[in-house]
N, C-alpha and C. Protein backbone atom coordinates (compact mmCIF):
# COMPACT_ATOMS: atom_id res chain seq x y z
N MET A 1 36.26 30.58 -16.22
CA MET A 1 35.06 30.99 -16.96
C MET A 1 34.37 29.78 -17.60
N ARG A 2 35.19 28.94 -18.26
CA ARG A 2 34.63 27.75 -18.88
C ARG A 2 33.99 26.84 -17.84
N HIS A 3 34.67 26.74 -16.67
CA HIS A 3 34.14 25.91 -15.59
C HIS A 3 32.77 26.41 -15.16
N SER A 4 32.63 27.73 -15.06
CA SER A 4 31.35 28.33 -14.64
C SER A 4 30.27 28.05 -15.66
N ILE A 5 30.60 28.16 -16.92
CA ILE A 5 29.62 27.92 -17.99
C ILE A 5 29.16 26.46 -17.97
N ARG A 6 30.14 25.56 -17.80
CA ARG A 6 29.80 24.14 -17.75
C ARG A 6 28.90 23.84 -16.55
N LEU A 7 29.20 24.49 -15.43
CA LEU A 7 28.40 24.28 -14.23
C LEU A 7 26.97 24.75 -14.45
N VAL A 8 26.81 25.91 -15.08
CA VAL A 8 25.47 26.44 -15.37
C VAL A 8 24.71 25.50 -16.30
N ILE A 9 25.40 24.99 -17.32
CA ILE A 9 24.76 24.07 -18.26
C ILE A 9 24.33 22.79 -17.56
N LEU A 10 25.22 22.27 -16.69
CA LEU A 10 24.91 21.04 -15.96
C LEU A 10 23.70 21.22 -15.06
N ILE A 11 23.66 22.34 -14.33
CA ILE A 11 22.53 22.61 -13.44
C ILE A 11 21.23 22.73 -14.24
N THR A 12 21.31 23.40 -15.38
CA THR A 12 20.13 23.57 -16.24
C THR A 12 19.62 22.22 -16.74
N LEU A 13 20.56 21.35 -17.16
CA LEU A 13 20.17 20.03 -17.65
C LEU A 13 19.56 19.18 -16.55
N LEU A 14 20.14 19.27 -15.35
CA LEU A 14 19.59 18.50 -14.23
C LEU A 14 18.19 18.99 -13.88
N ALA A 15 18.00 20.30 -13.88
CA ALA A 15 16.68 20.85 -13.58
C ALA A 15 15.66 20.44 -14.62
N PHE A 16 16.08 20.45 -15.89
CA PHE A 16 15.17 20.05 -16.96
C PHE A 16 14.81 18.57 -16.84
N THR A 17 15.84 17.75 -16.54
CA THR A 17 15.60 16.32 -16.39
C THR A 17 14.64 16.04 -15.25
N TYR A 18 14.84 16.73 -14.12
CA TYR A 18 13.96 16.55 -12.97
C TYR A 18 12.52 16.93 -13.31
N ALA A 19 12.37 18.03 -14.04
CA ALA A 19 11.02 18.51 -14.40
C ALA A 19 10.32 17.53 -15.33
N CYS A 20 11.11 16.81 -16.11
CA CYS A 20 10.52 15.90 -17.09
C CYS A 20 10.32 14.49 -16.56
N THR A 21 10.72 14.26 -15.33
CA THR A 21 10.62 12.89 -14.81
C THR A 21 9.56 12.76 -13.72
N ASP A 22 8.58 13.64 -13.71
CA ASP A 22 7.47 13.47 -12.79
C ASP A 22 6.73 12.20 -13.20
N SER A 23 6.81 11.20 -12.35
CA SER A 23 6.31 9.88 -12.73
C SER A 23 4.81 9.71 -12.48
N THR A 24 4.14 10.73 -11.96
CA THR A 24 2.72 10.61 -11.68
C THR A 24 1.92 10.59 -12.99
N PRO A 25 1.21 9.49 -13.27
CA PRO A 25 0.41 9.45 -14.50
C PRO A 25 -0.67 10.54 -14.48
N LYS A 26 -0.99 11.06 -15.64
CA LYS A 26 -2.01 12.08 -15.75
C LYS A 26 -3.37 11.45 -16.03
N LEU A 27 -4.42 12.12 -15.56
CA LEU A 27 -5.78 11.65 -15.75
C LEU A 27 -6.61 12.73 -16.43
N PRO A 28 -7.69 12.33 -17.12
CA PRO A 28 -8.59 13.34 -17.71
C PRO A 28 -9.19 14.22 -16.61
N ARG A 29 -9.41 15.47 -16.93
CA ARG A 29 -9.99 16.38 -15.95
C ARG A 29 -11.45 16.00 -15.70
N LEU A 30 -11.83 16.02 -14.43
CA LEU A 30 -13.19 15.68 -14.04
C LEU A 30 -14.12 16.87 -14.25
N ALA A 31 -15.25 16.62 -14.90
CA ALA A 31 -16.27 17.66 -15.07
C ALA A 31 -16.84 18.04 -13.70
N ASN A 32 -17.47 19.20 -13.65
CA ASN A 32 -18.03 19.66 -12.38
C ASN A 32 -19.12 18.73 -11.85
N ASP A 33 -19.77 18.01 -12.75
CA ASP A 33 -20.83 17.10 -12.33
C ASP A 33 -20.36 15.63 -12.32
N ALA A 34 -19.05 15.43 -12.29
CA ALA A 34 -18.50 14.08 -12.30
C ALA A 34 -18.81 13.34 -11.00
N THR A 35 -18.81 12.02 -11.09
CA THR A 35 -19.02 11.17 -9.92
C THR A 35 -17.75 10.40 -9.61
N ILE A 36 -17.34 10.44 -8.35
CA ILE A 36 -16.18 9.69 -7.87
C ILE A 36 -16.69 8.55 -7.00
N LEU A 37 -16.22 7.35 -7.27
CA LEU A 37 -16.57 6.19 -6.44
C LEU A 37 -15.37 5.85 -5.55
N ALA A 38 -15.56 6.00 -4.24
CA ALA A 38 -14.53 5.61 -3.28
C ALA A 38 -14.86 4.20 -2.81
N PHE A 39 -14.03 3.24 -3.21
CA PHE A 39 -14.33 1.83 -2.98
C PHE A 39 -13.29 1.20 -2.07
N GLY A 40 -13.78 0.44 -1.06
CA GLY A 40 -12.83 -0.22 -0.18
C GLY A 40 -13.52 -0.88 0.99
N ASP A 41 -12.78 -0.97 2.09
CA ASP A 41 -13.29 -1.62 3.30
C ASP A 41 -13.57 -0.58 4.38
N SER A 42 -13.22 -0.86 5.62
CA SER A 42 -13.55 0.06 6.72
C SER A 42 -12.80 1.37 6.63
N LEU A 43 -11.61 1.38 6.02
CA LEU A 43 -10.87 2.63 5.87
C LEU A 43 -11.60 3.59 4.94
N THR A 44 -12.35 3.06 4.01
CA THR A 44 -13.17 3.89 3.13
C THR A 44 -14.49 4.24 3.79
N TYR A 45 -15.09 3.26 4.44
CA TYR A 45 -16.37 3.48 5.12
C TYR A 45 -16.26 4.58 6.18
N GLY A 46 -15.12 4.61 6.86
CA GLY A 46 -14.93 5.62 7.89
C GLY A 46 -15.14 5.10 9.30
N SER A 47 -14.94 3.81 9.50
CA SER A 47 -15.10 3.22 10.83
C SER A 47 -14.24 3.97 11.84
N GLY A 48 -14.86 4.28 12.99
CA GLY A 48 -14.13 5.00 14.03
C GLY A 48 -14.39 6.49 14.04
N ALA A 49 -15.22 6.97 13.12
CA ALA A 49 -15.53 8.41 13.05
C ALA A 49 -16.96 8.59 12.59
N PRO A 50 -17.57 9.76 12.83
CA PRO A 50 -18.91 10.02 12.32
C PRO A 50 -18.95 9.89 10.80
N LYS A 51 -20.12 9.59 10.27
CA LYS A 51 -20.25 9.33 8.83
C LYS A 51 -19.78 10.50 7.98
N ASP A 52 -20.01 11.72 8.48
CA ASP A 52 -19.61 12.89 7.70
C ASP A 52 -18.14 13.24 7.88
N LYS A 53 -17.38 12.36 8.57
CA LYS A 53 -15.95 12.58 8.77
C LYS A 53 -15.11 11.48 8.13
N SER A 54 -15.70 10.69 7.25
CA SER A 54 -14.94 9.69 6.50
C SER A 54 -14.07 10.41 5.48
N TYR A 55 -13.06 9.72 4.95
CA TYR A 55 -12.22 10.40 3.94
C TYR A 55 -13.02 10.73 2.67
N PRO A 56 -13.97 9.87 2.21
CA PRO A 56 -14.77 10.28 1.05
C PRO A 56 -15.59 11.55 1.30
N ALA A 57 -16.07 11.73 2.54
CA ALA A 57 -16.84 12.94 2.86
C ALA A 57 -15.94 14.17 2.77
N PHE A 58 -14.73 14.07 3.28
CA PHE A 58 -13.78 15.19 3.17
C PHE A 58 -13.42 15.43 1.71
N LEU A 59 -13.22 14.35 0.94
CA LEU A 59 -12.87 14.50 -0.47
C LEU A 59 -13.99 15.18 -1.24
N GLN A 60 -15.22 14.87 -0.92
CA GLN A 60 -16.35 15.51 -1.60
C GLN A 60 -16.35 17.01 -1.36
N ARG A 61 -16.08 17.41 -0.13
CA ARG A 61 -16.06 18.83 0.18
C ARG A 61 -14.90 19.54 -0.51
N LEU A 62 -13.75 18.88 -0.56
CA LEU A 62 -12.58 19.50 -1.18
C LEU A 62 -12.68 19.55 -2.70
N SER A 63 -13.16 18.48 -3.30
CA SER A 63 -13.20 18.38 -4.76
C SER A 63 -14.41 19.06 -5.38
N LYS A 64 -15.45 19.26 -4.55
CA LYS A 64 -16.72 19.82 -5.05
C LYS A 64 -17.33 18.92 -6.13
N ARG A 65 -17.07 17.62 -6.02
CA ARG A 65 -17.69 16.61 -6.87
C ARG A 65 -18.42 15.60 -5.99
N GLN A 66 -19.41 14.93 -6.56
CA GLN A 66 -20.09 13.89 -5.80
C GLN A 66 -19.14 12.72 -5.57
N VAL A 67 -19.03 12.32 -4.32
CA VAL A 67 -18.19 11.17 -3.96
C VAL A 67 -19.08 10.12 -3.28
N ILE A 68 -19.20 8.96 -3.89
CA ILE A 68 -19.99 7.87 -3.34
C ILE A 68 -19.10 7.05 -2.40
N ASN A 69 -19.51 6.91 -1.16
CA ASN A 69 -18.76 6.11 -0.20
C ASN A 69 -19.22 4.66 -0.32
N ALA A 70 -18.38 3.83 -0.91
CA ALA A 70 -18.70 2.41 -1.10
C ALA A 70 -17.76 1.55 -0.25
N GLY A 71 -17.56 1.97 1.00
CA GLY A 71 -16.74 1.19 1.91
C GLY A 71 -17.56 0.10 2.57
N ASN A 72 -16.98 -1.08 2.72
CA ASN A 72 -17.67 -2.21 3.34
C ASN A 72 -16.74 -2.81 4.40
N PRO A 73 -16.95 -2.46 5.69
CA PRO A 73 -16.05 -2.92 6.75
C PRO A 73 -15.89 -4.44 6.77
N GLY A 74 -14.66 -4.88 6.97
CA GLY A 74 -14.36 -6.30 7.09
C GLY A 74 -14.21 -7.05 5.78
N GLU A 75 -14.45 -6.39 4.67
CA GLU A 75 -14.42 -7.06 3.37
C GLU A 75 -12.99 -7.42 2.96
N VAL A 76 -12.82 -8.61 2.41
CA VAL A 76 -11.54 -9.02 1.85
C VAL A 76 -11.58 -8.82 0.34
N SER A 77 -10.41 -8.86 -0.27
CA SER A 77 -10.32 -8.43 -1.67
C SER A 77 -11.10 -9.31 -2.64
N ARG A 78 -11.18 -10.61 -2.38
CA ARG A 78 -11.92 -11.46 -3.32
C ARG A 78 -13.41 -11.11 -3.33
N ASP A 79 -13.94 -10.73 -2.16
CA ASP A 79 -15.34 -10.31 -2.10
C ASP A 79 -15.51 -8.91 -2.68
N GLY A 80 -14.51 -8.07 -2.48
CA GLY A 80 -14.55 -6.73 -3.06
C GLY A 80 -14.58 -6.78 -4.58
N LEU A 81 -13.83 -7.70 -5.15
CA LEU A 81 -13.81 -7.84 -6.61
C LEU A 81 -15.20 -8.17 -7.14
N THR A 82 -15.89 -9.08 -6.48
CA THR A 82 -17.25 -9.44 -6.89
C THR A 82 -18.19 -8.24 -6.75
N ARG A 83 -18.09 -7.54 -5.64
CA ARG A 83 -18.99 -6.41 -5.39
C ARG A 83 -18.73 -5.26 -6.36
N LEU A 84 -17.48 -5.04 -6.70
CA LEU A 84 -17.15 -3.91 -7.58
C LEU A 84 -17.74 -4.09 -8.97
N ARG A 85 -17.77 -5.32 -9.46
CA ARG A 85 -18.32 -5.56 -10.79
C ARG A 85 -19.74 -4.99 -10.91
N GLU A 86 -20.56 -5.28 -9.92
CA GLU A 86 -21.95 -4.81 -9.95
C GLU A 86 -22.03 -3.32 -9.69
N LEU A 87 -21.19 -2.83 -8.79
CA LEU A 87 -21.26 -1.42 -8.39
C LEU A 87 -20.86 -0.48 -9.52
N LEU A 88 -19.90 -0.87 -10.31
CA LEU A 88 -19.50 -0.03 -11.45
C LEU A 88 -20.64 0.12 -12.43
N GLU A 89 -21.40 -0.95 -12.64
CA GLU A 89 -22.56 -0.87 -13.53
C GLU A 89 -23.64 0.03 -12.95
N GLN A 90 -23.85 -0.06 -11.65
CA GLN A 90 -24.90 0.72 -11.00
C GLN A 90 -24.59 2.20 -10.95
N THR A 91 -23.34 2.54 -10.62
CA THR A 91 -23.00 3.95 -10.35
C THR A 91 -22.39 4.66 -11.55
N GLN A 92 -21.74 3.91 -12.45
CA GLN A 92 -21.08 4.46 -13.63
C GLN A 92 -20.27 5.72 -13.28
N PRO A 93 -19.27 5.56 -12.42
CA PRO A 93 -18.47 6.72 -12.00
C PRO A 93 -17.50 7.17 -13.08
N ASP A 94 -17.00 8.38 -12.92
CA ASP A 94 -15.95 8.89 -13.80
C ASP A 94 -14.57 8.55 -13.27
N LEU A 95 -14.49 8.35 -11.96
CA LEU A 95 -13.22 8.06 -11.31
C LEU A 95 -13.43 7.07 -10.18
N LEU A 96 -12.52 6.12 -10.06
CA LEU A 96 -12.53 5.16 -8.96
C LEU A 96 -11.32 5.44 -8.05
N VAL A 97 -11.59 5.67 -6.77
CA VAL A 97 -10.52 5.74 -5.77
C VAL A 97 -10.54 4.41 -5.04
N LEU A 98 -9.52 3.61 -5.24
CA LEU A 98 -9.51 2.23 -4.75
C LEU A 98 -8.56 2.08 -3.57
N CYS A 99 -9.12 1.62 -2.45
CA CYS A 99 -8.33 1.36 -1.24
C CYS A 99 -8.77 0.01 -0.68
N HIS A 100 -8.09 -1.04 -1.11
CA HIS A 100 -8.52 -2.37 -0.73
C HIS A 100 -7.33 -3.27 -0.44
N GLY A 101 -7.58 -4.34 0.31
CA GLY A 101 -6.54 -5.30 0.62
C GLY A 101 -6.09 -5.28 2.07
N GLY A 102 -6.57 -4.29 2.84
CA GLY A 102 -6.15 -4.18 4.23
C GLY A 102 -6.52 -5.38 5.08
N ASN A 103 -7.72 -5.91 4.86
CA ASN A 103 -8.14 -7.07 5.65
C ASN A 103 -7.39 -8.34 5.24
N ASP A 104 -7.00 -8.41 3.99
CA ASP A 104 -6.14 -9.52 3.55
C ASP A 104 -4.82 -9.47 4.30
N LEU A 105 -4.27 -8.27 4.44
CA LEU A 105 -2.99 -8.11 5.13
C LEU A 105 -3.13 -8.47 6.61
N LEU A 106 -4.22 -8.04 7.23
CA LEU A 106 -4.45 -8.34 8.64
C LEU A 106 -4.57 -9.84 8.87
N ARG A 107 -5.20 -10.52 7.92
CA ARG A 107 -5.44 -11.97 8.07
C ARG A 107 -4.33 -12.81 7.46
N GLN A 108 -3.30 -12.12 6.97
CA GLN A 108 -2.13 -12.79 6.41
C GLN A 108 -2.48 -13.74 5.26
N PHE A 109 -3.33 -13.25 4.37
CA PHE A 109 -3.67 -14.01 3.17
C PHE A 109 -2.46 -14.07 2.24
N ASP A 110 -2.54 -14.96 1.28
CA ASP A 110 -1.53 -15.04 0.24
C ASP A 110 -1.54 -13.73 -0.56
N LEU A 111 -0.44 -12.99 -0.51
CA LEU A 111 -0.43 -11.67 -1.13
C LEU A 111 -0.46 -11.72 -2.65
N SER A 112 -0.07 -12.85 -3.23
CA SER A 112 -0.18 -12.95 -4.68
C SER A 112 -1.65 -12.94 -5.10
N GLU A 113 -2.50 -13.56 -4.29
CA GLU A 113 -3.94 -13.54 -4.56
C GLU A 113 -4.51 -12.14 -4.34
N THR A 114 -4.07 -11.50 -3.26
CA THR A 114 -4.55 -10.13 -3.00
C THR A 114 -4.16 -9.19 -4.13
N LYS A 115 -2.91 -9.30 -4.55
CA LYS A 115 -2.46 -8.46 -5.67
C LYS A 115 -3.31 -8.70 -6.91
N SER A 116 -3.59 -9.97 -7.22
CA SER A 116 -4.39 -10.30 -8.39
C SER A 116 -5.79 -9.70 -8.28
N ASN A 117 -6.39 -9.79 -7.10
CA ASN A 117 -7.74 -9.26 -6.92
C ASN A 117 -7.77 -7.74 -7.10
N VAL A 118 -6.82 -7.05 -6.48
CA VAL A 118 -6.78 -5.59 -6.60
C VAL A 118 -6.49 -5.18 -8.04
N GLN A 119 -5.59 -5.92 -8.67
CA GLN A 119 -5.26 -5.63 -10.06
C GLN A 119 -6.49 -5.80 -10.96
N GLN A 120 -7.27 -6.84 -10.70
CA GLN A 120 -8.48 -7.05 -11.49
C GLN A 120 -9.51 -5.94 -11.25
N MET A 121 -9.56 -5.42 -10.03
CA MET A 121 -10.46 -4.29 -9.75
C MET A 121 -10.08 -3.08 -10.61
N VAL A 122 -8.79 -2.80 -10.66
CA VAL A 122 -8.32 -1.67 -11.48
C VAL A 122 -8.67 -1.91 -12.95
N SER A 123 -8.41 -3.12 -13.42
CA SER A 123 -8.67 -3.44 -14.83
C SER A 123 -10.15 -3.35 -15.18
N LEU A 124 -11.02 -3.77 -14.26
CA LEU A 124 -12.46 -3.67 -14.49
C LEU A 124 -12.86 -2.23 -14.79
N ALA A 125 -12.32 -1.32 -13.97
CA ALA A 125 -12.65 0.10 -14.17
C ALA A 125 -12.05 0.63 -15.47
N GLN A 126 -10.79 0.30 -15.70
CA GLN A 126 -10.12 0.81 -16.90
C GLN A 126 -10.81 0.33 -18.18
N GLN A 127 -11.29 -0.89 -18.16
CA GLN A 127 -11.99 -1.42 -19.34
C GLN A 127 -13.27 -0.65 -19.66
N LYS A 128 -13.81 0.00 -18.65
CA LYS A 128 -15.02 0.81 -18.83
C LYS A 128 -14.70 2.28 -19.06
N GLY A 129 -13.42 2.60 -19.20
CA GLY A 129 -13.01 3.98 -19.42
C GLY A 129 -13.03 4.83 -18.17
N ILE A 130 -13.00 4.19 -17.00
CA ILE A 130 -13.04 4.90 -15.71
C ILE A 130 -11.61 5.11 -15.22
N SER A 131 -11.27 6.35 -14.88
CA SER A 131 -9.96 6.64 -14.32
C SER A 131 -9.84 6.01 -12.94
N VAL A 132 -8.62 5.66 -12.54
CA VAL A 132 -8.39 5.00 -11.26
C VAL A 132 -7.20 5.63 -10.55
N ILE A 133 -7.34 5.85 -9.24
CA ILE A 133 -6.17 6.08 -8.41
C ILE A 133 -6.21 5.05 -7.28
N LEU A 134 -5.03 4.67 -6.83
CA LEU A 134 -4.89 3.57 -5.87
C LEU A 134 -4.27 4.10 -4.58
N LEU A 135 -4.80 3.64 -3.45
CA LEU A 135 -4.23 3.98 -2.14
C LEU A 135 -3.58 2.73 -1.57
N GLY A 136 -2.31 2.84 -1.21
CA GLY A 136 -1.59 1.71 -0.65
C GLY A 136 -1.85 1.57 0.84
N VAL A 137 -2.01 0.34 1.29
CA VAL A 137 -2.26 0.03 2.70
C VAL A 137 -1.02 -0.68 3.25
N PRO A 138 -0.59 -0.34 4.45
CA PRO A 138 0.62 -0.97 5.00
C PRO A 138 0.35 -2.33 5.62
N LYS A 139 1.40 -3.14 5.64
CA LYS A 139 1.35 -4.37 6.41
C LYS A 139 1.38 -4.01 7.90
N PRO A 140 0.66 -4.76 8.75
CA PRO A 140 0.69 -4.47 10.18
C PRO A 140 2.10 -4.67 10.76
N LYS A 141 2.66 -3.59 11.32
CA LYS A 141 3.98 -3.63 11.95
C LYS A 141 3.99 -2.65 13.10
N LEU A 142 4.89 -2.86 14.03
CA LEU A 142 5.01 -1.93 15.15
C LEU A 142 5.78 -0.68 14.76
N LEU A 143 6.77 -0.83 13.89
CA LEU A 143 7.61 0.28 13.51
C LEU A 143 7.77 0.33 11.99
N LEU A 144 8.07 1.53 11.50
CA LEU A 144 8.38 1.74 10.09
C LEU A 144 7.34 1.14 9.16
N MET A 145 6.09 1.49 9.39
CA MET A 145 5.02 1.03 8.50
C MET A 145 5.20 1.64 7.12
N ARG A 146 4.95 0.82 6.12
CA ARG A 146 4.98 1.33 4.75
C ARG A 146 4.00 0.52 3.91
N SER A 147 3.57 1.12 2.83
CA SER A 147 2.60 0.46 1.95
C SER A 147 3.15 -0.88 1.46
N ALA A 148 2.29 -1.90 1.44
CA ALA A 148 2.71 -3.20 0.92
C ALA A 148 3.21 -3.04 -0.52
N SER A 149 4.24 -3.75 -0.88
CA SER A 149 4.94 -3.52 -2.14
C SER A 149 4.08 -3.80 -3.37
N PHE A 150 3.07 -4.66 -3.23
CA PHE A 150 2.29 -5.02 -4.43
C PHE A 150 1.49 -3.85 -4.98
N TYR A 151 1.20 -2.85 -4.13
CA TYR A 151 0.47 -1.68 -4.64
C TYR A 151 1.32 -0.92 -5.67
N GLN A 152 2.60 -0.74 -5.35
CA GLN A 152 3.49 -0.07 -6.30
C GLN A 152 3.63 -0.89 -7.58
N GLU A 153 3.69 -2.20 -7.42
CA GLU A 153 3.79 -3.08 -8.60
C GLU A 153 2.57 -2.92 -9.51
N ILE A 154 1.39 -2.86 -8.90
CA ILE A 154 0.16 -2.69 -9.69
C ILE A 154 0.15 -1.33 -10.38
N ALA A 155 0.51 -0.30 -9.62
CA ALA A 155 0.52 1.05 -10.19
C ALA A 155 1.48 1.14 -11.38
N ASP A 156 2.64 0.52 -11.25
CA ASP A 156 3.62 0.56 -12.34
C ASP A 156 3.12 -0.24 -13.55
N GLU A 157 2.54 -1.40 -13.29
CA GLU A 157 2.10 -2.27 -14.37
C GLU A 157 0.92 -1.68 -15.14
N LEU A 158 -0.01 -1.04 -14.42
CA LEU A 158 -1.22 -0.52 -15.05
C LEU A 158 -1.19 0.99 -15.25
N LYS A 159 -0.07 1.61 -14.87
CA LYS A 159 0.17 3.04 -15.12
C LYS A 159 -0.93 3.91 -14.52
N ILE A 160 -1.13 3.75 -13.21
CA ILE A 160 -2.13 4.55 -12.50
C ILE A 160 -1.46 5.30 -11.35
N PRO A 161 -2.04 6.43 -10.96
CA PRO A 161 -1.50 7.19 -9.82
C PRO A 161 -1.67 6.41 -8.52
N LEU A 162 -0.68 6.53 -7.64
CA LEU A 162 -0.68 5.80 -6.39
C LEU A 162 -0.28 6.71 -5.24
N GLU A 163 -1.03 6.64 -4.15
CA GLU A 163 -0.67 7.31 -2.90
C GLU A 163 -0.19 6.24 -1.93
N THR A 164 1.10 6.27 -1.60
CA THR A 164 1.68 5.20 -0.78
C THR A 164 1.90 5.58 0.68
N GLU A 165 1.89 6.86 0.99
CA GLU A 165 2.39 7.30 2.30
C GLU A 165 1.31 7.61 3.33
N ILE A 166 0.18 8.14 2.91
CA ILE A 166 -0.72 8.77 3.88
C ILE A 166 -1.33 7.77 4.86
N ILE A 167 -1.77 6.61 4.40
CA ILE A 167 -2.41 5.66 5.33
C ILE A 167 -1.38 5.13 6.32
N ALA A 168 -0.18 4.81 5.85
CA ALA A 168 0.87 4.37 6.77
C ALA A 168 1.17 5.46 7.80
N LYS A 169 1.20 6.69 7.37
CA LYS A 169 1.46 7.81 8.29
C LYS A 169 0.37 7.92 9.34
N VAL A 170 -0.88 7.82 8.93
CA VAL A 170 -2.00 7.98 9.85
C VAL A 170 -2.05 6.83 10.85
N VAL A 171 -1.95 5.61 10.37
CA VAL A 171 -2.10 4.46 11.29
C VAL A 171 -0.86 4.24 12.15
N SER A 172 0.21 4.99 11.88
CA SER A 172 1.40 4.93 12.72
C SER A 172 1.34 5.94 13.87
N ASP A 173 0.34 6.81 13.85
CA ASP A 173 0.24 7.90 14.82
C ASP A 173 -1.01 7.70 15.68
N ASN A 174 -0.83 7.36 16.95
CA ASN A 174 -1.97 7.09 17.82
C ASN A 174 -2.89 8.29 17.99
N SER A 175 -2.36 9.49 17.82
CA SER A 175 -3.20 10.69 17.96
C SER A 175 -4.17 10.84 16.79
N LEU A 176 -3.95 10.06 15.72
CA LEU A 176 -4.80 10.14 14.52
C LEU A 176 -5.71 8.93 14.39
N LYS A 177 -5.77 8.09 15.47
CA LYS A 177 -6.55 6.86 15.40
C LYS A 177 -7.63 6.82 16.48
N SER A 178 -8.72 6.13 16.15
CA SER A 178 -9.81 5.94 17.11
C SER A 178 -9.69 4.61 17.84
N ASP A 179 -8.94 3.67 17.25
CA ASP A 179 -8.66 2.38 17.88
C ASP A 179 -7.35 1.87 17.31
N ALA A 180 -7.06 0.60 17.50
CA ALA A 180 -5.77 0.06 17.06
C ALA A 180 -5.60 0.07 15.55
N ILE A 181 -6.69 0.13 14.81
CA ILE A 181 -6.63 -0.01 13.35
C ILE A 181 -7.13 1.23 12.60
N HIS A 182 -8.20 1.84 13.10
CA HIS A 182 -8.91 2.83 12.31
C HIS A 182 -8.56 4.27 12.68
N PRO A 183 -8.52 5.14 11.68
CA PRO A 183 -8.29 6.56 11.94
C PRO A 183 -9.45 7.19 12.69
N ASN A 184 -9.18 8.34 13.29
CA ASN A 184 -10.25 9.18 13.82
C ASN A 184 -10.57 10.24 12.76
N ALA A 185 -11.42 11.19 13.10
CA ALA A 185 -11.84 12.19 12.12
C ALA A 185 -10.65 12.96 11.56
N GLN A 186 -9.70 13.30 12.41
CA GLN A 186 -8.52 14.04 11.94
C GLN A 186 -7.69 13.19 10.98
N GLY A 187 -7.58 11.90 11.30
CA GLY A 187 -6.85 11.00 10.40
C GLY A 187 -7.51 10.87 9.04
N TYR A 188 -8.83 10.73 9.05
CA TYR A 188 -9.56 10.64 7.77
C TYR A 188 -9.45 11.94 6.98
N GLN A 189 -9.44 13.05 7.69
CA GLN A 189 -9.28 14.33 6.99
C GLN A 189 -7.95 14.38 6.25
N LEU A 190 -6.89 13.91 6.90
CA LEU A 190 -5.57 13.90 6.24
C LEU A 190 -5.57 12.99 5.02
N ILE A 191 -6.27 11.86 5.11
CA ILE A 191 -6.35 10.96 3.95
C ILE A 191 -7.11 11.64 2.81
N GLY A 192 -8.24 12.28 3.15
CA GLY A 192 -9.01 12.99 2.13
C GLY A 192 -8.19 14.09 1.46
N GLU A 193 -7.42 14.81 2.27
CA GLU A 193 -6.59 15.88 1.72
C GLU A 193 -5.50 15.32 0.81
N ALA A 194 -4.92 14.18 1.19
CA ALA A 194 -3.88 13.57 0.37
C ALA A 194 -4.44 13.09 -0.97
N VAL A 195 -5.62 12.50 -0.95
CA VAL A 195 -6.26 12.06 -2.20
C VAL A 195 -6.56 13.26 -3.08
N HIS A 196 -7.08 14.33 -2.47
CA HIS A 196 -7.37 15.54 -3.22
C HIS A 196 -6.10 16.12 -3.86
N LYS A 197 -5.02 16.13 -3.10
CA LYS A 197 -3.74 16.64 -3.62
C LYS A 197 -3.25 15.79 -4.79
N LEU A 198 -3.38 14.46 -4.68
CA LEU A 198 -2.98 13.59 -5.77
C LEU A 198 -3.83 13.82 -7.02
N LEU A 199 -5.12 14.02 -6.83
CA LEU A 199 -5.99 14.30 -7.98
C LEU A 199 -5.61 15.61 -8.67
N GLN A 200 -5.21 16.59 -7.88
CA GLN A 200 -4.74 17.83 -8.47
C GLN A 200 -3.44 17.61 -9.26
N LYS A 201 -2.56 16.79 -8.70
CA LYS A 201 -1.28 16.51 -9.35
C LYS A 201 -1.47 15.78 -10.67
N THR A 202 -2.48 14.92 -10.74
CA THR A 202 -2.74 14.17 -11.98
C THR A 202 -3.44 15.01 -13.04
N GLY A 203 -3.97 16.18 -12.64
CA GLY A 203 -4.73 17.01 -13.56
C GLY A 203 -6.22 16.71 -13.56
N ALA A 204 -6.66 15.74 -12.71
CA ALA A 204 -8.08 15.42 -12.67
C ALA A 204 -8.88 16.54 -12.04
N LEU A 205 -8.27 17.33 -11.18
CA LEU A 205 -8.92 18.48 -10.55
C LEU A 205 -8.11 19.75 -10.81
């Protein structure tokens, strides 16, 4: 009998601990008229699919909020940092969805510099009171693609929500790609759905 009681108590404590350790940072809820800025390179722009099939387009339909597609194909992070400074002033978004650094990884740039640039992008938004979520991009590999480790480091350091799996999943599946690098419409839809799910998890939606 005592063993059973102890077992019940242990299970209850474990369940409580698990419920209290959801590590996803929470964000302020977005108003119905909120603006989301999706900022990045070709993965944000939607290269390889029609314009209305980019992940920001899918996110707009799912979230029922305005989503500005600020993707710039071929852009590296140092140029993105410069562009974001001006764009935040112009658009004054409530939320920034940041997906940058992929071209740095393709060109094998110094990742400490890439990390610094992406980190500064997050900080620019946070200093203006703009919520941020980060999408991790994988290093180019033939097998077992996973988000580059510096994205998790940034998310932990700046306490922002991070989606690490969806882009690696999409670019690892040839049926979800339009070419060697870019998703097709179905791939972008999955990215949009993953971002939407993360926003729901954070309480922003």
